[in-house]
Amino acid sequence: MANFRIYKDSKGEYRWRFRANNNEIVADSAEGYKNKADCEGGIKIVKEQASTATTTDETAASASKSY
């Protein structure tokens, strides 16, 4: 089952990873959080906004397409 996993990095900061059903990492927090609650807040934002997010293709061949 896909899930978010919270862990501490080498600096002792909280980070999250999202793993797909095949256990591969498909997204991560890209930044560390000093507080676990802030890390959990980042996960909450992704959960709330991902379902309505659009996709913009920024490759040279179709730079103006939005999905």
PDB file of N, CA and C in Angstrom:
ATOM      1  N   MET A   1       0.835  -1.174   0.000  1.00  0.00           N
ATOM      2  CA  MET A   1       0.000   0.000   0.000  1.00  0.00           C
ATOM      3  C   MET A   1       0.885   1.245   0.000  1.00  0.00           C
ATOM      4  N   ALA A   2       0.534   2.220  -0.811  1.00  0.00           N
ATOM      5  CA  ALA A   2       1.277   3.477  -0.850  1.00  0.00           C
ATOM      6  C   ALA A   2       1.183   4.174   0.500  1.00  0.00           C
ATOM      7  N   ASN A   3       2.268   4.858   0.878  1.00  0.00           N
ATOM      8  CA  ASN A   3       2.235   5.546   2.167  1.00  0.00           C
ATOM      9  C   ASN A   3       3.310   6.617   2.261  1.00  0.00           C
ATOM     10  N   PHE A   4       3.097   7.536   3.198  1.00  0.00           N
ATOM     11  CA  PHE A   4       4.081   8.537   3.560  1.00  0.00           C
ATOM     12  C   PHE A   4       4.884   7.982   4.728  1.00  0.00           C
ATOM     13  N   ARG A   5       6.178   8.204   4.706  1.00  0.00           N
ATOM     14  CA  ARG A   5       7.040   7.775   5.811  1.00  0.00           C
ATOM     15  C   ARG A   5       7.843   8.966   6.301  1.00  0.00           C
ATOM     16  N   ILE A   6       7.773   9.206   7.605  1.00  0.00           N
ATOM     17  CA  ILE A   6       8.528  10.287   8.231  1.00  0.00           C
ATOM     18  C   ILE A   6       9.803   9.681   8.808  1.00  0.00           C
ATOM     19  N   TYR A   7      10.912  10.385   8.610  1.00  0.00           N
ATOM     20  CA  TYR A   7      12.195   9.927   9.152  1.00  0.00           C
ATOM     21  C   TYR A   7      13.042  11.129   9.528  1.00  0.00           C
ATOM     22  N   LYS A   8      14.124  10.891  10.227  1.00  0.00           N
ATOM     23  CA  LYS A   8      15.075  11.959  10.563  1.00  0.00           C
ATOM     24  C   LYS A   8      16.299  11.818   9.664  1.00  0.00           C
ATOM     25  N   ASP A   9      16.763  12.951   9.145  1.00  0.00           N
ATOM     26  CA  ASP A   9      17.942  12.942   8.288  1.00  0.00           C
ATOM     27  C   ASP A   9      19.216  13.046   9.126  1.00  0.00           C
ATOM     28  N   SER A  10      20.360  13.160   8.478  1.00  0.00           N
ATOM     29  CA  SER A  10      21.650  13.197   9.169  1.00  0.00           C
ATOM     30  C   SER A  10      21.827  14.437  10.039  1.00  0.00           C
ATOM     31  N   LYS A  11      21.027  15.482   9.792  1.00  0.00           N
ATOM     32  CA  LYS A  11      21.076  16.702  10.604  1.00  0.00           C
ATOM     33  C   LYS A  11      20.087  16.647  11.769  1.00  0.00           C
ATOM     34  N   GLY A  12      19.339  15.544  11.850  1.00  0.00           N
ATOM     35  CA  GLY A  12      18.342  15.406  12.902  1.00  0.00           C
ATOM     36  C   GLY A  12      17.021  16.090  12.579  1.00  0.00           C
ATOM     37  N   GLU A  13      16.847  16.487  11.312  1.00  0.00           N
ATOM     38  CA  GLU A  13      15.604  17.135  10.900  1.00  0.00           C
ATOM     39  C   GLU A  13      14.623  16.093  10.356  1.00  0.00           C
ATOM     40  N   TYR A  14      13.344  16.416  10.474  1.00  0.00           N
ATOM     41  CA  TYR A  14      12.294  15.524   9.993  1.00  0.00           C
ATOM     42  C   TYR A  14      12.080  15.722   8.499  1.00  0.00           C
ATOM     43  N   ARG A  15      11.891  14.620   7.806  1.00  0.00           N
ATOM     44  CA  ARG A  15      11.590  14.623   6.375  1.00  0.00           C
ATOM     45  C   ARG A  15      10.547  13.553   6.112  1.00  0.00           C
ATOM     46  N   TRP A  16       9.910  13.645   4.940  1.00  0.00           N
ATOM     47  CA  TRP A  16       8.983  12.592   4.552  1.00  0.00           C
ATOM     48  C   TRP A  16       9.317  12.069   3.161  1.00  0.00           C
ATOM     49  N   ARG A  17       8.918  10.836   2.952  1.00  0.00           N
ATOM     50  CA  ARG A  17       9.007  10.190   1.639  1.00  0.00           C
ATOM     51  C   ARG A  17       7.647   9.584   1.345  1.00  0.00           C
ATOM     52  N   PHE A  18       7.239   9.659   0.085  1.00  0.00           N
ATOM     53  CA  PHE A  18       6.024   8.974  -0.338  1.00  0.00           C
ATOM     54  C   PHE A  18       6.442   7.776  -1.164  1.00  0.00           C
ATOM     55  N   ARG A  19       6.010   6.605  -0.739  1.00  0.00           N
ATOM     56  CA  ARG A  19       6.341   5.370  -1.442  1.00  0.00           C
ATOM     57  C   ARG A  19       5.088   4.825  -2.128  1.00  0.00           C
ATOM     58  N   ALA A  20       5.248   4.420  -3.380  1.00  0.00           N
ATOM     59  CA  ALA A  20       4.153   3.846  -4.165  1.00  0.00           C
ATOM     60  C   ALA A  20       3.878   2.412  -3.702  1.00  0.00           C
ATOM     61  N   ASN A  21       2.866   1.812  -4.294  1.00  0.00           N
ATOM     62  CA  ASN A  21       2.509   0.430  -3.936  1.00  0.00           C
ATOM     63  C   ASN A  21       3.667  -0.547  -4.104  1.00  0.00           C
ATOM     64  N   ASN A  22       4.576  -0.271  -5.036  1.00  0.00           N
ATOM     65  CA  ASN A  22       5.722  -1.155  -5.268  1.00  0.00           C
ATOM     66  C   ASN A  22       6.906  -0.811  -4.349  1.00  0.00           C
ATOM     67  N   ASN A  23       6.683   0.079  -3.388  1.00  0.00           N
ATOM     68  CA  ASN A  23       7.663   0.501  -2.383  1.00  0.00           C
ATOM     69  C   ASN A  23       8.731   1.448  -2.926  1.00  0.00           C
ATOM     70  N   GLU A  24       8.590   1.887  -4.166  1.00  0.00           N
ATOM     71  CA  GLU A  24       9.526   2.853  -4.737  1.00  0.00           C
ATOM     72  C   GLU A  24       9.178   4.258  -4.241  1.00  0.00           C
ATOM     73  N   ILE A  25      10.214   5.062  -3.973  1.00  0.00           N
ATOM     74  CA  ILE A  25      10.009   6.453  -3.569  1.00  0.00           C
ATOM     75  C   ILE A  25       9.618   7.246  -4.810  1.00  0.00           C
ATOM     76  N   VAL A  26       8.454   7.906  -4.770  1.00  0.00           N
ATOM     77  CA  VAL A  26       8.004   8.699  -5.905  1.00  0.00           C
ATOM     78  C   VAL A  26       7.954  10.188  -5.577  1.00  0.00           C
ATOM     79  N   ALA A  27       8.095  10.549  -4.306  1.00  0.00           N
ATOM     80  CA  ALA A  27       8.138  11.960  -3.905  1.00  0.00           C
ATOM     81  C   ALA A  27       8.791  12.059  -2.538  1.00  0.00           C
ATOM     82  N   ASP A  28       9.368  13.233  -2.268  1.00  0.00           N
ATOM     83  CA  ASP A  28       9.936  13.466  -0.944  1.00  0.00           C
ATOM     84  C   ASP A  28       9.795  14.932  -0.566  1.00  0.00           C
ATOM     85  N   SER A  29      10.076  15.235   0.676  1.00  0.00           N
ATOM     86  CA  SER A  29       9.863  16.580   1.187  1.00  0.00           C
ATOM     87  C   SER A  29      10.831  17.609   0.625  1.00  0.00           C
ATOM     88  N   ALA A  30      11.964  17.209   0.129  1.00  0.00           N
ATOM     89  CA  ALA A  30      12.972  18.098  -0.457  1.00  0.00           C
ATOM     90  C   ALA A  30      13.552  19.103   0.534  1.00  0.00           C
ATOM     91  N   GLU A  31      13.081  19.083   1.752  1.00  0.00           N
ATOM     92  CA  GLU A  31      13.641  19.944   2.793  1.00  0.00           C
ATOM     93  C   GLU A  31      13.430  19.270   4.141  1.00  0.00           C
ATOM     94  N   GLY A  32      14.264  19.646   5.091  1.00  0.00           N
ATOM     95  CA  GLY A  32      14.118  19.134   6.439  1.00  0.00           C
ATOM     96  C   GLY A  32      13.309  20.094   7.289  1.00  0.00           C
ATOM     97  N   TYR A  33      12.620  19.548   8.266  1.00  0.00           N
ATOM     98  CA  TYR A  33      11.821  20.344   9.199  1.00  0.00           C
ATOM     99  C   TYR A  33      12.364  20.138  10.606  1.00  0.00           C
ATOM    100  N   LYS A  34      12.511  21.200  11.345  1.00  0.00           N
ATOM    101  CA  LYS A  34      12.994  21.098  12.719  1.00  0.00           C
ATOM    102  C   LYS A  34      11.948  20.466  13.629  1.00  0.00           C
ATOM    103  N   ASN A  35      10.664  20.696  13.299  1.00  0.00           N
ATOM    104  CA  ASN A  35       9.573  20.167  14.112  1.00  0.00           C
ATOM    105  C   ASN A  35       8.811  19.088  13.352  1.00  0.00           C
ATOM    106  N   LYS A  36       8.495  17.999  14.047  1.00  0.00           N
ATOM    107  CA  LYS A  36       7.742  16.917  13.428  1.00  0.00           C
ATOM    108  C   LYS A  36       6.378  17.407  12.950  1.00  0.00           C
ATOM    109  N   ALA A  37       5.746  18.290  13.708  1.00  0.00           N
ATOM    110  CA  ALA A  37       4.427  18.812  13.328  1.00  0.00           C
ATOM    111  C   ALA A  37       4.491  19.544  11.993  1.00  0.00           C
ATOM    112  N   ASP A  38       5.572  20.258  11.726  1.00  0.00           N
ATOM    113  CA  ASP A  38       5.733  20.950  10.446  1.00  0.00           C
ATOM    114  C   ASP A  38       5.868  19.945   9.310  1.00  0.00           C
ATOM    115  N   CYS A  39       6.576  18.857   9.560  1.00  0.00           N
ATOM    116  CA  CYS A  39       6.727  17.795   8.564  1.00  0.00           C
ATOM    117  C   CYS A  39       5.364  17.173   8.266  1.00  0.00           C
ATOM    118  N   GLU A  40       4.605  16.894   9.311  1.00  0.00           N
ATOM    119  CA  GLU A  40       3.263  16.341   9.130  1.00  0.00           C
ATOM    120  C   GLU A  40       2.370  17.335   8.382  1.00  0.00           C
ATOM    121  N   GLY A  41       2.583  18.622   8.608  1.00  0.00           N
ATOM    122  CA  GLY A  41       1.843  19.649   7.883  1.00  0.00           C
ATOM    123  C   GLY A  41       2.154  19.624   6.400  1.00  0.00           C
ATOM    124  N   GLY A  42       3.415  19.382   6.053  1.00  0.00           N
ATOM    125  CA  GLY A  42       3.800  19.256   4.651  1.00  0.00           C
ATOM    126  C   GLY A  42       3.089  18.095   3.980  1.00  0.00           C
ATOM    127  N   ILE A  43       2.986  16.984   4.680  1.00  0.00           N
ATOM    128  CA  ILE A  43       2.261  15.815   4.158  1.00  0.00           C
ATOM    129  C   ILE A  43       0.795  16.176   3.950  1.00  0.00           C
ATOM    130  N   LYS A  44       0.211  16.867   4.907  1.00  0.00           N
ATOM    131  CA  LYS A  44      -1.194  17.256   4.817  1.00  0.00           C
ATOM    132  C   LYS A  44      -1.446  18.122   3.578  1.00  0.00           C
ATOM    133  N   ILE A  45      -0.552  19.063   3.322  1.00  0.00           N
ATOM    134  CA  ILE A  45      -0.688  19.928   2.145  1.00  0.00           C
ATOM    135  C   ILE A  45      -0.665  19.107   0.863  1.00  0.00           C
ATOM    136  N   VAL A  46       0.265  18.169   0.763  1.00  0.00           N
ATOM    137  CA  VAL A  46       0.347  17.331  -0.434  1.00  0.00           C
ATOM    138  C   VAL A  46      -0.945  16.535  -0.599  1.00  0.00           C
ATOM    139  N   LYS A  47      -1.424  15.938   0.470  1.00  0.00           N
ATOM    140  CA  LYS A  47      -2.655  15.147   0.399  1.00  0.00           C
ATOM    141  C   LYS A  47      -3.842  15.999  -0.052  1.00  0.00           C
ATOM    142  N   GLU A  48      -3.953  17.201   0.464  1.00  0.00           N
ATOM    143  CA  GLU A  48      -5.079  18.074   0.142  1.00  0.00           C
ATOM    144  C   GLU A  48      -5.019  18.622  -1.280  1.00  0.00           C
ATOM    145  N   GLN A  49      -3.831  18.947  -1.749  1.00  0.00           N
ATOM    146  CA  GLN A  49      -3.721  19.655  -3.015  1.00  0.00           C
ATOM    147  C   GLN A  49      -3.403  18.775  -4.218  1.00  0.00           C
ATOM    148  N   ALA A  50      -2.874  17.595  -4.009  1.00  0.00           N
ATOM    149  CA  ALA A  50      -2.455  16.750  -5.133  1.00  0.00           C
ATOM    150  C   ALA A  50      -3.619  16.321  -6.017  1.00  0.00           C
ATOM    151  N   SER A  51      -4.764  16.061  -5.431  1.00  0.00           N
ATOM    152  CA  SER A  51      -5.886  15.556  -6.221  1.00  0.00           C
ATOM    153  C   SER A  51      -6.431  16.584  -7.216  1.00  0.00           C
ATOM    154  N   THR A  52      -6.185  17.862  -6.971  1.00  0.00           N
ATOM    155  CA  THR A  52      -6.684  18.896  -7.883  1.00  0.00           C
ATOM    156  C   THR A  52      -5.561  19.618  -8.630  1.00  0.00           C
ATOM    157  N   ALA A  53      -4.335  19.171  -8.427  1.00  0.00           N
ATOM    158  CA  ALA A  53      -3.192  19.826  -9.072  1.00  0.00           C
ATOM    159  C   ALA A  53      -3.212  19.582 -10.584  1.00  0.00           C
ATOM    160  N   THR A  54      -2.792  20.590 -11.333  1.00  0.00           N
ATOM    161  CA  THR A  54      -2.674  20.441 -12.779  1.00  0.00           C
ATOM    162  C   THR A  54      -1.234  20.060 -13.119  1.00  0.00           C
ATOM    163  N   THR A  55      -1.030  19.656 -14.350  1.00  0.00           N
ATOM    164  CA  THR A  55       0.304  19.327 -14.835  1.00  0.00           C
ATOM    165  C   THR A  55       0.658  20.289 -15.945  1.00  0.00           C
ATOM    166  N   THR A  56       1.823  20.913 -15.855  1.00  0.00           N
ATOM    167  CA  THR A  56       2.313  21.795 -16.905  1.00  0.00           C
ATOM    168  C   THR A  56       3.538  21.151 -17.524  1.00  0.00           C
ATOM    169  N   ASP A  57       3.507  20.930 -18.815  1.00  0.00           N
ATOM    170  CA  ASP A  57       4.624  20.329 -19.535  1.00  0.00           C
ATOM    171  C   ASP A  57       5.580  21.438 -19.948  1.00  0.00           C
ATOM    172  N   GLU A  58       6.739  21.492 -19.346  1.00  0.00           N
ATOM    173  CA  GLU A  58       7.713  22.556 -19.612  1.00  0.00           C
ATOM    174  C   GLU A  58       8.840  22.114 -20.554  1.00  0.00           C
ATOM    175  N   THR A  59       8.654  21.003 -21.238  1.00  0.00           N
ATOM    176  CA  THR A  59       9.669  20.574 -22.190  1.00  0.00           C
ATOM    177  C   THR A  59       9.591  21.456 -23.434  1.00  0.00           C
ATOM    178  N   ALA A  60      10.675  21.539 -24.162  1.00  0.00           N
ATOM    179  CA  ALA A  60      10.786  22.457 -25.296  1.00  0.00           C
ATOM    180  C   ALA A  60       9.707  22.239 -26.345  1.00  0.00           C
ATOM    181  N   ALA A  61       9.337  20.997 -26.624  1.00  0.00           N
ATOM    182  CA  ALA A  61       8.392  20.717 -27.689  1.00  0.00           C
ATOM    183  C   ALA A  61       6.974  21.183 -27.376  1.00  0.00           C
ATOM    184  N   SER A  62       6.635  21.243 -26.119  1.00  0.00           N
ATOM    185  CA  SER A  62       5.244  21.613 -25.783  1.00  0.00           C
ATOM    186  C   SER A  62       5.206  22.524 -24.550  1.00  0.00           C
ATOM    187  N   ALA A  63       5.996  23.561 -24.566  1.00  0.00           N
ATOM    188  CA  ALA A  63       6.147  24.439 -23.401  1.00  0.00           C
ATOM    189  C   ALA A  63       4.860  25.119 -22.972  1.00  0.00           C
ATOM    190  N   SER A  64       3.887  25.217 -23.844  1.00  0.00           N
ATOM    191  CA  SER A  64       2.671  25.946 -23.474  1.00  0.00           C
ATOM    192  C   SER A  64       1.508  25.036 -23.090  1.00  0.00           C
ATOM    193  N   LYS A  65       1.670  23.720 -23.119  1.00  0.00           N
ATOM    194  CA  LYS A  65       0.573  22.811 -22.807  1.00  0.00           C
ATOM    195  C   LYS A  65       0.387  22.694 -21.298  1.00  0.00           C
ATOM    196  N   SER A  66      -0.862  22.715 -20.888  1.00  0.00           N
ATOM    197  CA  SER A  66      -1.226  22.498 -19.506  1.00  0.00           C
ATOM    198  C   SER A  66      -2.293  21.409 -19.489  1.00  0.00           C
ATOM    199  N   TYR A  67      -2.222  20.522 -18.530  1.00  0.00           N
ATOM    200  CA  TYR A  67      -3.174  19.416 -18.447  1.00  0.00           C
ATOM    201  C   TYR A  67      -4.067  19.586 -17.256  1.00  0.00           C
TER     202      TYR A  67
END
